[in-house]
Amino acid sequence: MDNSNMLLGLLDEAMKNGLRDTNGCLSKLNVENFILPRLNTKIRFPKTYSNYLSQMKWFKNQYNKINELMRSNFGFGWDPIGMKVMASDEVWEEYLKVSLVHDFQ
């Protein structure tokens, strides 16, 4: 999780510094020259561009899950201060039941 948080911080910094392309994405060159060297100085096992792409795929999957959860709008909300999804225990229990059944089908 620490590596993911460091990567997200570096991605945020890169975007604020205008390193994105016209389509809003970071080029391979910018990732290899700006993000990975900084990330690799902070972690134990150096990451490659392939690792970066894999992590971005994971981030996108997590984003899609949360986005779907929020669009269902069945008792879920967003806490802007805590930066997390909020719901009552009953809503979470029902969601987990449905998710587990869906995962095993």
PDB file of N, CA and C in Angstrom:
ATOM      1  N   MET A   1       0.820  -1.184   0.000  1.00  0.00           N
ATOM      2  CA  MET A   1       0.000   0.000   0.000  1.00  0.00           C
ATOM      3  C   MET A   1       0.869   1.253   0.000  1.00  0.00           C
ATOM      4  N   ASP A   2       1.971   1.217   0.724  1.00  0.00           N
ATOM      5  CA  ASP A   2       2.863   2.374   0.742  1.00  0.00           C
ATOM      6  C   ASP A   2       3.382   2.694  -0.655  1.00  0.00           C
ATOM      7  N   ASN A   3       3.751   1.640  -1.407  1.00  0.00           N
ATOM      8  CA  ASN A   3       4.240   1.853  -2.772  1.00  0.00           C
ATOM      9  C   ASN A   3       3.159   2.492  -3.633  1.00  0.00           C
ATOM     10  N   SER A   4       1.925   2.040  -3.488  1.00  0.00           N
ATOM     11  CA  SER A   4       0.814   2.602  -4.255  1.00  0.00           C
ATOM     12  C   SER A   4       0.607   4.070  -3.903  1.00  0.00           C
ATOM     13  N   ASN A   5       0.660   4.379  -2.622  1.00  0.00           N
ATOM     14  CA  ASN A   5       0.486   5.771  -2.191  1.00  0.00           C
ATOM     15  C   ASN A   5       1.619   6.654  -2.704  1.00  0.00           C
ATOM     16  N   MET A   6       2.841   6.132  -2.693  1.00  0.00           N
ATOM     17  CA  MET A   6       3.963   6.900  -3.231  1.00  0.00           C
ATOM     18  C   MET A   6       3.769   7.150  -4.721  1.00  0.00           C
ATOM     19  N   LEU A   7       3.341   6.121  -5.440  1.00  0.00           N
ATOM     20  CA  LEU A   7       3.108   6.262  -6.872  1.00  0.00           C
ATOM     21  C   LEU A   7       2.013   7.289  -7.138  1.00  0.00           C
ATOM     22  N   LEU A   8       0.930   7.228  -6.399  1.00  0.00           N
ATOM     23  CA  LEU A   8      -0.151   8.203  -6.574  1.00  0.00           C
ATOM     24  C   LEU A   8       0.338   9.626  -6.313  1.00  0.00           C
ATOM     25  N   GLY A   9       1.165   9.787  -5.296  1.00  0.00           N
ATOM     26  CA  GLY A   9       1.725  11.101  -4.997  1.00  0.00           C
ATOM     27  C   GLY A   9       2.589  11.613  -6.139  1.00  0.00           C
ATOM     28  N   LEU A  10       3.403  10.733  -6.707  1.00  0.00           N
ATOM     29  CA  LEU A  10       4.254  11.117  -7.836  1.00  0.00           C
ATOM     30  C   LEU A  10       3.428  11.419  -9.088  1.00  0.00           C
ATOM     31  N   LEU A  11       2.359  10.657  -9.295  1.00  0.00           N
ATOM     32  CA  LEU A  11       1.469  10.925 -10.426  1.00  0.00           C
ATOM     33  C   LEU A  11       0.812  12.296 -10.269  1.00  0.00           C
ATOM     34  N   ASP A  12       0.378  12.600  -9.074  1.00  0.00           N
ATOM     35  CA  ASP A  12      -0.232  13.896  -8.792  1.00  0.00           C
ATOM     36  C   ASP A  12       0.777  15.019  -9.056  1.00  0.00           C
ATOM     37  N   GLU A  13       1.983  14.847  -8.573  1.00  0.00           N
ATOM     38  CA  GLU A  13       3.034  15.842  -8.785  1.00  0.00           C
ATOM     39  C   GLU A  13       3.329  16.035 -10.272  1.00  0.00           C
ATOM     40  N   ALA A  14       3.385  14.932 -11.003  1.00  0.00           N
ATOM     41  CA  ALA A  14       3.659  15.003 -12.443  1.00  0.00           C
ATOM     42  C   ALA A  14       2.553  15.772 -13.160  1.00  0.00           C
ATOM     43  N   MET A  15       1.312  15.521 -12.785  1.00  0.00           N
ATOM     44  CA  MET A  15       0.189  16.222 -13.413  1.00  0.00           C
ATOM     45  C   MET A  15       0.239  17.714 -13.089  1.00  0.00           C
ATOM     46  N   LYS A  16       0.545  18.046 -11.839  1.00  0.00           N
ATOM     47  CA  LYS A  16       0.630  19.451 -11.441  1.00  0.00           C
ATOM     48  C   LYS A  16       1.767  20.164 -12.162  1.00  0.00           C
ATOM     49  N   ASN A  17       2.821  19.427 -12.513  1.00  0.00           N
ATOM     50  CA  ASN A  17       3.960  20.000 -13.233  1.00  0.00           C
ATOM     51  C   ASN A  17       3.754  20.002 -14.743  1.00  0.00           C
ATOM     52  N   GLY A  18       2.567  19.585 -15.197  1.00  0.00           N
ATOM     53  CA  GLY A  18       2.240  19.632 -16.614  1.00  0.00           C
ATOM     54  C   GLY A  18       2.920  18.581 -17.467  1.00  0.00           C
ATOM     55  N   LEU A  19       3.245  17.437 -16.904  1.00  0.00           N
ATOM     56  CA  LEU A  19       3.936  16.398 -17.666  1.00  0.00           C
ATOM     57  C   LEU A  19       2.999  15.501 -18.461  1.00  0.00           C
ATOM     58  N   ARG A  20       1.711  15.787 -18.448  1.00  0.00           N
ATOM     59  CA  ARG A  20       0.777  14.955 -19.212  1.00  0.00           C
ATOM     60  C   ARG A  20       0.742  15.395 -20.673  1.00  0.00           C
ATOM     61  N   ASP A  21       0.355  14.453 -21.509  1.00  0.00           N
ATOM     62  CA  ASP A  21       0.221  14.724 -22.934  1.00  0.00           C
ATOM     63  C   ASP A  21      -1.087  15.476 -23.197  1.00  0.00           C
ATOM     64  N   THR A  22      -1.331  15.815 -24.453  1.00  0.00           N
ATOM     65  CA  THR A  22      -2.561  16.523 -24.815  1.00  0.00           C
ATOM     66  C   THR A  22      -3.805  15.699 -24.502  1.00  0.00           C
ATOM     67  N   ASN A  23      -3.670  14.363 -24.463  1.00  0.00           N
ATOM     68  CA  ASN A  23      -4.820  13.510 -24.134  1.00  0.00           C
ATOM     69  C   ASN A  23      -4.976  13.319 -22.624  1.00  0.00           C
ATOM     70  N   GLY A  24      -4.127  13.965 -21.824  1.00  0.00           N
ATOM     71  CA  GLY A  24      -4.241  13.898 -20.373  1.00  0.00           C
ATOM     72  C   GLY A  24      -3.455  12.779 -19.731  1.00  0.00           C
ATOM     73  N   CYS A  25      -2.756  11.995 -20.508  1.00  0.00           N
ATOM     74  CA  CYS A  25      -1.994  10.855 -19.976  1.00  0.00           C
ATOM     75  C   CYS A  25      -0.508  11.182 -19.885  1.00  0.00           C
ATOM     76  N   LEU A  26       0.186  10.388 -19.108  1.00  0.00           N
ATOM     77  CA  LEU A  26       1.639  10.507 -19.031  1.00  0.00           C
ATOM     78  C   LEU A  26       2.261   9.610 -20.090  1.00  0.00           C
ATOM     79  N   SER A  27       3.227  10.131 -20.804  1.00  0.00           N
ATOM     80  CA  SER A  27       3.909   9.321 -21.806  1.00  0.00           C
ATOM     81  C   SER A  27       4.865   8.346 -21.127  1.00  0.00           C
ATOM     82  N   LYS A  28       5.235   7.325 -21.845  1.00  0.00           N
ATOM     83  CA  LYS A  28       6.198   6.354 -21.336  1.00  0.00           C
ATOM     84  C   LYS A  28       7.494   7.067 -20.957  1.00  0.00           C
ATOM     85  N   LEU A  29       7.918   8.001 -21.769  1.00  0.00           N
ATOM     86  CA  LEU A  29       9.143   8.748 -21.516  1.00  0.00           C
ATOM     87  C   LEU A  29       9.064   9.514 -20.190  1.00  0.00           C
ATOM     88  N   ASN A  30       7.945  10.182 -19.940  1.00  0.00           N
ATOM     89  CA  ASN A  30       7.781  10.918 -18.683  1.00  0.00           C
ATOM     90  C   ASN A  30       7.721   9.979 -17.483  1.00  0.00           C
ATOM     91  N   VAL A  31       7.081   8.846 -17.654  1.00  0.00           N
ATOM     92  CA  VAL A  31       7.024   7.870 -16.557  1.00  0.00           C
ATOM     93  C   VAL A  31       8.431   7.363 -16.248  1.00  0.00           C
ATOM     94  N   GLU A  32       9.172   7.016 -17.292  1.00  0.00           N
ATOM     95  CA  GLU A  32      10.518   6.471 -17.091  1.00  0.00           C
ATOM     96  C   GLU A  32      11.519   7.521 -16.610  1.00  0.00           C
ATOM     97  N   ASN A  33      11.315   8.779 -16.975  1.00  0.00           N
ATOM     98  CA  ASN A  33      12.278   9.815 -16.597  1.00  0.00           C
ATOM     99  C   ASN A  33      11.909  10.595 -15.337  1.00  0.00           C
ATOM    100  N   PHE A  34      10.632  10.668 -15.018  1.00  0.00           N
ATOM    101  CA  PHE A  34      10.199  11.476 -13.879  1.00  0.00           C
ATOM    102  C   PHE A  34       9.699  10.623 -12.711  1.00  0.00           C
ATOM    103  N   ILE A  35       8.815   9.694 -12.998  1.00  0.00           N
ATOM    104  CA  ILE A  35       8.149   8.964 -11.918  1.00  0.00           C
ATOM    105  C   ILE A  35       8.976   7.794 -11.392  1.00  0.00           C
ATOM    106  N   LEU A  36       9.373   6.900 -12.274  1.00  0.00           N
ATOM    107  CA  LEU A  36      10.068   5.690 -11.811  1.00  0.00           C
ATOM    108  C   LEU A  36      11.376   5.970 -11.073  1.00  0.00           C
ATOM    109  N   PRO A  37      12.224   6.887 -11.537  1.00  0.00           N
ATOM    110  CA  PRO A  37      13.453   7.141 -10.769  1.00  0.00           C
ATOM    111  C   PRO A  37      13.165   7.624  -9.345  1.00  0.00           C
ATOM    112  N   ARG A  38      12.182   8.494  -9.194  1.00  0.00           N
ATOM    113  CA  ARG A  38      11.835   8.989  -7.852  1.00  0.00           C
ATOM    114  C   ARG A  38      11.225   7.883  -6.995  1.00  0.00           C
ATOM    115  N   LEU A  39      10.359   7.091  -7.599  1.00  0.00           N
ATOM    116  CA  LEU A  39       9.746   5.980  -6.873  1.00  0.00           C
ATOM    117  C   LEU A  39      10.801   4.970  -6.444  1.00  0.00           C
ATOM    118  N   ASN A  40      11.694   4.636  -7.356  1.00  0.00           N
ATOM    119  CA  ASN A  40      12.690   3.598  -7.079  1.00  0.00           C
ATOM    120  C   ASN A  40      13.704   3.993  -6.008  1.00  0.00           C
ATOM    121  N   THR A  41      13.875   5.293  -5.762  1.00  0.00           N
ATOM    122  CA  THR A  41      14.765   5.708  -4.669  1.00  0.00           C
ATOM    123  C   THR A  41      14.119   5.499  -3.303  1.00  0.00           C
ATOM    124  N   LYS A  42      12.796   5.337  -3.287  1.00  0.00           N
ATOM    125  CA  LYS A  42      12.063   5.230  -2.031  1.00  0.00           C
ATOM    126  C   LYS A  42      11.628   3.812  -1.677  1.00  0.00           C
ATOM    127  N   ILE A  43      11.763   2.873  -2.609  1.00  0.00           N
ATOM    128  CA  ILE A  43      11.267   1.520  -2.360  1.00  0.00           C
ATOM    129  C   ILE A  43      12.395   0.505  -2.436  1.00  0.00           C
ATOM    130  N   ARG A  44      12.117  -0.670  -1.929  1.00  0.00           N
ATOM    131  CA  ARG A  44      13.139  -1.708  -1.836  1.00  0.00           C
ATOM    132  C   ARG A  44      13.408  -2.409  -3.167  1.00  0.00           C
ATOM    133  N   PHE A  45      12.345  -2.699  -3.910  1.00  0.00           N
ATOM    134  CA  PHE A  45      12.486  -3.412  -5.174  1.00  0.00           C
ATOM    135  C   PHE A  45      12.123  -2.473  -6.323  1.00  0.00           C
ATOM    136  N   PRO A  46      13.089  -2.143  -7.167  1.00  0.00           N
ATOM    137  CA  PRO A  46      12.852  -1.199  -8.264  1.00  0.00           C
ATOM    138  C   PRO A  46      11.720  -1.655  -9.190  1.00  0.00           C
ATOM    139  N   LYS A  47      10.959  -0.675  -9.656  1.00  0.00           N
ATOM    140  CA  LYS A  47       9.840  -0.936 -10.562  1.00  0.00           C
ATOM    141  C   LYS A  47      10.214  -0.549 -11.985  1.00  0.00           C
ATOM    142  N   THR A  48       9.631  -1.264 -12.928  1.00  0.00           N
ATOM    143  CA  THR A  48       9.844  -1.003 -14.349  1.00  0.00           C
ATOM    144  C   THR A  48       8.578  -0.373 -14.931  1.00  0.00           C
ATOM    145  N   TYR A  49       8.656  -0.004 -16.189  1.00  0.00           N
ATOM    146  CA  TYR A  49       7.480   0.542 -16.862  1.00  0.00           C
ATOM    147  C   TYR A  49       6.360  -0.495 -16.906  1.00  0.00           C
ATOM    148  N   SER A  50       6.712  -1.748 -17.072  1.00  0.00           N
ATOM    149  CA  SER A  50       5.718  -2.825 -17.068  1.00  0.00           C
ATOM    150  C   SER A  50       5.008  -2.897 -15.712  1.00  0.00           C
ATOM    151  N   ASN A  51       5.768  -2.749 -14.624  1.00  0.00           N
ATOM    152  CA  ASN A  51       5.161  -2.718 -13.290  1.00  0.00           C
ATOM    153  C   ASN A  51       4.214  -1.532 -13.159  1.00  0.00           C
ATOM    154  N   TYR A  52       4.638  -0.399 -13.714  1.00  0.00           N
ATOM    155  CA  TYR A  52       3.813   0.813 -13.689  1.00  0.00           C
ATOM    156  C   TYR A  52       2.481   0.562 -14.400  1.00  0.00           C
ATOM    157  N   LEU A  53       2.535  -0.041 -15.593  1.00  0.00           N
ATOM    158  CA  LEU A  53       1.297  -0.313 -16.340  1.00  0.00           C
ATOM    159  C   LEU A  53       0.387  -1.250 -15.567  1.00  0.00           C
ATOM    160  N   SER A  54       0.961  -2.245 -14.929  1.00  0.00           N
ATOM    161  CA  SER A  54       0.178  -3.179 -14.125  1.00  0.00           C
ATOM    162  C   SER A  54      -0.496  -2.457 -12.960  1.00  0.00           C
ATOM    163  N   GLN A  55       0.239  -1.566 -12.312  1.00  0.00           N
ATOM    164  CA  GLN A  55      -0.322  -0.814 -11.193  1.00  0.00           C
ATOM    165  C   GLN A  55      -1.426   0.121 -11.667  1.00  0.00           C
ATOM    166  N   MET A  56      -1.245   0.733 -12.826  1.00  0.00           N
ATOM    167  CA  MET A  56      -2.272   1.617 -13.368  1.00  0.00           C
ATOM    168  C   MET A  56      -3.543   0.834 -13.689  1.00  0.00           C
ATOM    169  N   LYS A  57      -3.383  -0.386 -14.181  1.00  0.00           N
ATOM    170  CA  LYS A  57      -4.542  -1.249 -14.451  1.00  0.00           C
ATOM    171  C   LYS A  57      -5.282  -1.555 -13.145  1.00  0.00           C
ATOM    172  N   TRP A  58      -4.520  -1.808 -12.074  1.00  0.00           N
ATOM    173  CA  TRP A  58      -5.127  -2.089 -10.761  1.00  0.00           C
ATOM    174  C   TRP A  58      -5.872  -0.853 -10.262  1.00  0.00           C
ATOM    175  N   PHE A  59      -5.240   0.336 -10.386  1.00  0.00           N
ATOM    176  CA  PHE A  59      -5.900   1.581  -9.975  1.00  0.00           C
ATOM    177  C   PHE A  59      -7.208   1.764 -10.733  1.00  0.00           C
ATOM    178  N   LYS A  60      -7.185   1.536 -12.019  1.00  0.00           N
ATOM    179  CA  LYS A  60      -8.384   1.712 -12.845  1.00  0.00           C
ATOM    180  C   LYS A  60      -9.483   0.741 -12.404  1.00  0.00           C
ATOM    181  N   ASN A  61      -9.109  -0.491 -12.110  1.00  0.00           N
ATOM    182  CA  ASN A  61     -10.076  -1.479 -11.641  1.00  0.00           C
ATOM    183  C   ASN A  61     -10.699  -1.033 -10.316  1.00  0.00           C
ATOM    184  N   GLN A  62      -9.885  -0.532  -9.399  1.00  0.00           N
ATOM    185  CA  GLN A  62     -10.396  -0.065  -8.111  1.00  0.00           C
ATOM    186  C   GLN A  62     -11.323   1.137  -8.305  1.00  0.00           C
ATOM    187  N   TYR A  63     -10.914   2.050  -9.178  1.00  0.00           N
ATOM    188  CA  TYR A  63     -11.742   3.217  -9.478  1.00  0.00           C
ATOM    189  C   TYR A  63     -13.097   2.779 -10.038  1.00  0.00           C
ATOM    190  N   ASN A  64     -13.078   1.829 -10.964  1.00  0.00           N
ATOM    191  CA  ASN A  64     -14.331   1.356 -11.561  1.00  0.00           C
ATOM    192  C   ASN A  64     -15.241   0.723 -10.531  1.00  0.00           C
ATOM    193  N   LYS A  65     -14.668  -0.008  -9.585  1.00  0.00           N
ATOM    194  CA  LYS A  65     -15.484  -0.616  -8.528  1.00  0.00           C
ATOM    195  C   LYS A  65     -16.156   0.447  -7.671  1.00  0.00           C
ATOM    196  N   ILE A  66     -15.393   1.453  -7.282  1.00  0.00           N
ATOM    197  CA  ILE A  66     -15.952   2.515  -6.445  1.00  0.00           C
ATOM    198  C   ILE A  66     -16.972   3.327  -7.233  1.00  0.00           C
ATOM    199  N   ASN A  67     -16.671   3.596  -8.479  1.00  0.00           N
ATOM    200  CA  ASN A  67     -17.590   4.339  -9.329  1.00  0.00           C
ATOM    201  C   ASN A  67     -18.926   3.593  -9.456  1.00  0.00           C
ATOM    202  N   GLU A  68     -18.863   2.298  -9.673  1.00  0.00           N
ATOM    203  CA  GLU A  68     -20.082   1.491  -9.771  1.00  0.00           C
ATOM    204  C   GLU A  68     -20.843   1.512  -8.455  1.00  0.00           C
ATOM    205  N   LEU A  69     -20.124   1.420  -7.367  1.00  0.00           N
ATOM    206  CA  LEU A  69     -20.737   1.457  -6.042  1.00  0.00           C
ATOM    207  C   LEU A  69     -21.479   2.775  -5.836  1.00  0.00           C
ATOM    208  N   MET A  70     -20.854   3.874  -6.218  1.00  0.00           N
ATOM    209  CA  MET A  70     -21.471   5.182  -6.030  1.00  0.00           C
ATOM    210  C   MET A  70     -22.657   5.387  -6.985  1.00  0.00           C
ATOM    211  N   ARG A  71     -22.555   4.848  -8.192  1.00  0.00           N
ATOM    212  CA  ARG A  71     -23.650   5.005  -9.152  1.00  0.00           C
ATOM    213  C   ARG A  71     -24.873   4.200  -8.744  1.00  0.00           C
ATOM    214  N   SER A  72     -24.654   3.087  -8.045  1.00  0.00           N
ATOM    215  CA  SER A  72     -25.803   2.280  -7.601  1.00  0.00           C
ATOM    216  C   SER A  72     -26.663   3.088  -6.641  1.00  0.00           C
ATOM    217  N   ASN A  73     -26.021   3.985  -5.887  1.00  0.00           N
ATOM    218  CA  ASN A  73     -26.692   4.954  -5.025  1.00  0.00           C
ATOM    219  C   ASN A  73     -27.716   4.317  -4.091  1.00  0.00           C
ATOM    220  N   PHE A  74     -27.419   3.149  -3.578  1.00  0.00           N
ATOM    221  CA  PHE A  74     -28.302   2.469  -2.641  1.00  0.00           C
ATOM    222  C   PHE A  74     -27.756   2.586  -1.231  1.00  0.00           C
ATOM    223  N   GLY A  75     -27.613   3.802  -0.758  1.00  0.00           N
ATOM    224  CA  GLY A  75     -27.167   4.006   0.608  1.00  0.00           C
ATOM    225  C   GLY A  75     -25.685   4.316   0.733  1.00  0.00           C
ATOM    226  N   PHE A  76     -24.976   4.426  -0.381  1.00  0.00           N
ATOM    227  CA  PHE A  76     -23.564   4.765  -0.334  1.00  0.00           C
ATOM    228  C   PHE A  76     -23.392   6.255  -0.575  1.00  0.00           C
ATOM    229  N   GLY A  77     -22.386   6.804   0.062  1.00  0.00           N
ATOM    230  CA  GLY A  77     -22.060   8.205  -0.130  1.00  0.00           C
ATOM    231  C   GLY A  77     -20.559   8.402  -0.020  1.00  0.00           C
ATOM    232  N   TRP A  78     -20.114   9.617  -0.258  1.00  0.00           N
ATOM    233  CA  TRP A  78     -18.688   9.942  -0.226  1.00  0.00           C
ATOM    234  C   TRP A  78     -18.436  10.924   0.910  1.00  0.00           C
ATOM    235  N   ASP A  79     -17.448  10.596   1.743  1.00  0.00           N
ATOM    236  CA  ASP A  79     -17.018  11.482   2.817  1.00  0.00           C
ATOM    237  C   ASP A  79     -15.824  12.283   2.306  1.00  0.00           C
ATOM    238  N   PRO A  80     -16.035  13.562   1.957  1.00  0.00           N
ATOM    239  CA  PRO A  80     -14.943  14.349   1.374  1.00  0.00           C
ATOM    240  C   PRO A  80     -13.823  14.659   2.370  1.00  0.00           C
ATOM    241  N   ILE A  81     -14.120  14.642   3.652  1.00  0.00           N
ATOM    242  CA  ILE A  81     -13.082  14.915   4.655  1.00  0.00           C
ATOM    243  C   ILE A  81     -12.226  13.671   4.867  1.00  0.00           C
ATOM    244  N   GLY A  82     -12.877  12.531   5.063  1.00  0.00           N
ATOM    245  CA  GLY A  82     -12.151  11.272   5.251  1.00  0.00           C
ATOM    246  C   GLY A  82     -11.692  10.649   3.946  1.00  0.00           C
ATOM    247  N   MET A  83     -12.206  11.200   2.819  1.00  0.00           N
ATOM    248  CA  MET A  83     -11.855  10.698   1.483  1.00  0.00           C
ATOM    249  C   MET A  83     -12.141   9.200   1.365  1.00  0.00           C
ATOM    250  N   LYS A  84     -13.365   8.803   1.735  1.00  0.00           N
ATOM    251  CA  LYS A  84     -13.729   7.388   1.661  1.00  0.00           C
ATOM    252  C   LYS A  84     -15.223   7.228   1.425  1.00  0.00           C
ATOM    253  N   VAL A  85     -15.588   6.039   0.980  1.00  0.00           N
ATOM    254  CA  VAL A  85     -16.992   5.678   0.761  1.00  0.00           C
ATOM    255  C   VAL A  85     -17.628   5.431   2.123  1.00  0.00           C
ATOM    256  N   MET A  86     -18.835   5.957   2.288  1.00  0.00           N
ATOM    257  CA  MET A  86     -19.555   5.810   3.549  1.00  0.00           C
ATOM    258  C   MET A  86     -20.870   5.075   3.316  1.00  0.00           C
ATOM    259  N   ALA A  87     -21.246   4.243   4.278  1.00  0.00           N
ATOM    260  CA  ALA A  87     -22.543   3.569   4.259  1.00  0.00           C
ATOM    261  C   ALA A  87     -22.792   2.978   5.637  1.00  0.00           C
ATOM    262  N   SER A  88     -24.046   2.677   5.906  1.00  0.00           N
ATOM    263  CA  SER A  88     -24.382   2.032   7.178  1.00  0.00           C
ATOM    264  C   SER A  88     -23.910   0.581   7.143  1.00  0.00           C
ATOM    265  N   ASP A  89     -23.819  -0.031   8.296  1.00  0.00           N
ATOM    266  CA  ASP A  89     -23.404  -1.437   8.377  1.00  0.00           C
ATOM    267  C   ASP A  89     -24.341  -2.330   7.579  1.00  0.00           C
ATOM    268  N   GLU A  90     -25.638  -2.035   7.602  1.00  0.00           N
ATOM    269  CA  GLU A  90     -26.612  -2.847   6.880  1.00  0.00           C
ATOM    270  C   GLU A  90     -26.370  -2.780   5.368  1.00  0.00           C
ATOM    271  N   VAL A  91     -26.067  -1.584   4.883  1.00  0.00           N
ATOM    272  CA  VAL A  91     -25.807  -1.414   3.448  1.00  0.00           C
ATOM    273  C   VAL A  91     -24.566  -2.194   3.054  1.00  0.00           C
ATOM    274  N   TRP A  92     -23.500  -2.110   3.869  1.00  0.00           N
ATOM    275  CA  TRP A  92     -22.267  -2.858   3.562  1.00  0.00           C
ATOM    276  C   TRP A  92     -22.515  -4.363   3.583  1.00  0.00           C
ATOM    277  N   GLU A  93     -23.274  -4.837   4.573  1.00  0.00           N
ATOM    278  CA  GLU A  93     -23.551  -6.271   4.671  1.00  0.00           C
ATOM    279  C   GLU A  93     -24.284  -6.771   3.430  1.00  0.00           C
ATOM    280  N   GLU A  94     -25.276  -6.031   2.981  1.00  0.00           N
ATOM    281  CA  GLU A  94     -26.027  -6.420   1.784  1.00  0.00           C
ATOM    282  C   GLU A  94     -25.127  -6.378   0.554  1.00  0.00           C
ATOM    283  N   TYR A  95     -24.312  -5.347   0.449  1.00  0.00           N
ATOM    284  CA  TYR A  95     -23.388  -5.233  -0.685  1.00  0.00           C
ATOM    285  C   TYR A  95     -22.415  -6.409  -0.712  1.00  0.00           C
ATOM    286  N   LEU A  96     -21.867  -6.769   0.446  1.00  0.00           N
ATOM    287  CA  LEU A  96     -20.913  -7.882   0.502  1.00  0.00           C
ATOM    288  C   LEU A  96     -21.573  -9.209   0.157  1.00  0.00           C
ATOM    289  N   LYS A  97     -22.816  -9.401   0.584  1.00  0.00           N
ATOM    290  CA  LYS A  97     -23.543 -10.628   0.230  1.00  0.00           C
ATOM    291  C   LYS A  97     -23.694 -10.735  -1.283  1.00  0.00           C
ATOM    292  N   VAL A  98     -24.147  -9.670  -1.897  1.00  0.00           N
ATOM    293  CA  VAL A  98     -24.360  -9.654  -3.349  1.00  0.00           C
ATOM    294  C   VAL A  98     -23.027  -9.815  -4.076  1.00  0.00           C
ATOM    295  N   SER A  99     -21.997  -9.141  -3.611  1.00  0.00           N
ATOM    296  CA  SER A  99     -20.673  -9.212  -4.253  1.00  0.00           C
ATOM    297  C   SER A  99     -20.089 -10.615  -4.175  1.00  0.00           C
ATOM    298  N   LEU A 100     -20.207 -11.257  -3.029  1.00  0.00           N
ATOM    299  CA  LEU A 100     -19.670 -12.601  -2.865  1.00  0.00           C
ATOM    300  C   LEU A 100     -20.406 -13.597  -3.749  1.00  0.00           C
ATOM    301  N   VAL A 101     -21.716 -13.471  -3.842  1.00  0.00           N
ATOM    302  CA  VAL A 101     -22.494 -14.363  -4.707  1.00  0.00           C
ATOM    303  C   VAL A 101     -22.089 -14.138  -6.155  1.00  0.00           C
ATOM    304  N   HIS A 102     -21.938 -12.882  -6.558  1.00  0.00           N
ATOM    305  CA  HIS A 102     -21.549 -12.538  -7.917  1.00  0.00           C
ATOM    306  C   HIS A 102     -20.155 -13.077  -8.237  1.00  0.00           C
ATOM    307  N   ASP A 103     -19.219 -12.977  -7.299  1.00  0.00           N
ATOM    308  CA  ASP A 103     -17.845 -13.448  -7.509  1.00  0.00           C
ATOM    309  C   ASP A 103     -17.758 -14.962  -7.710  1.00  0.00           C
ATOM    310  N   PHE A 104     -18.671 -15.708  -7.090  1.00  0.00           N
ATOM    311  CA  PHE A 104     -18.606 -17.166  -7.174  1.00  0.00           C
ATOM    312  C   PHE A 104     -19.414 -17.726  -8.338  1.00  0.00           C
ATOM    313  N   GLN A 105     -20.102 -16.878  -9.079  1.00  0.00           N
ATOM    314  CA  GLN A 105     -20.894 -17.364 -10.217  1.00  0.00           C
ATOM    315  C   GLN A 105     -20.055 -17.412 -11.459  1.00  0.00           C
TER     316      GLN A 105
END
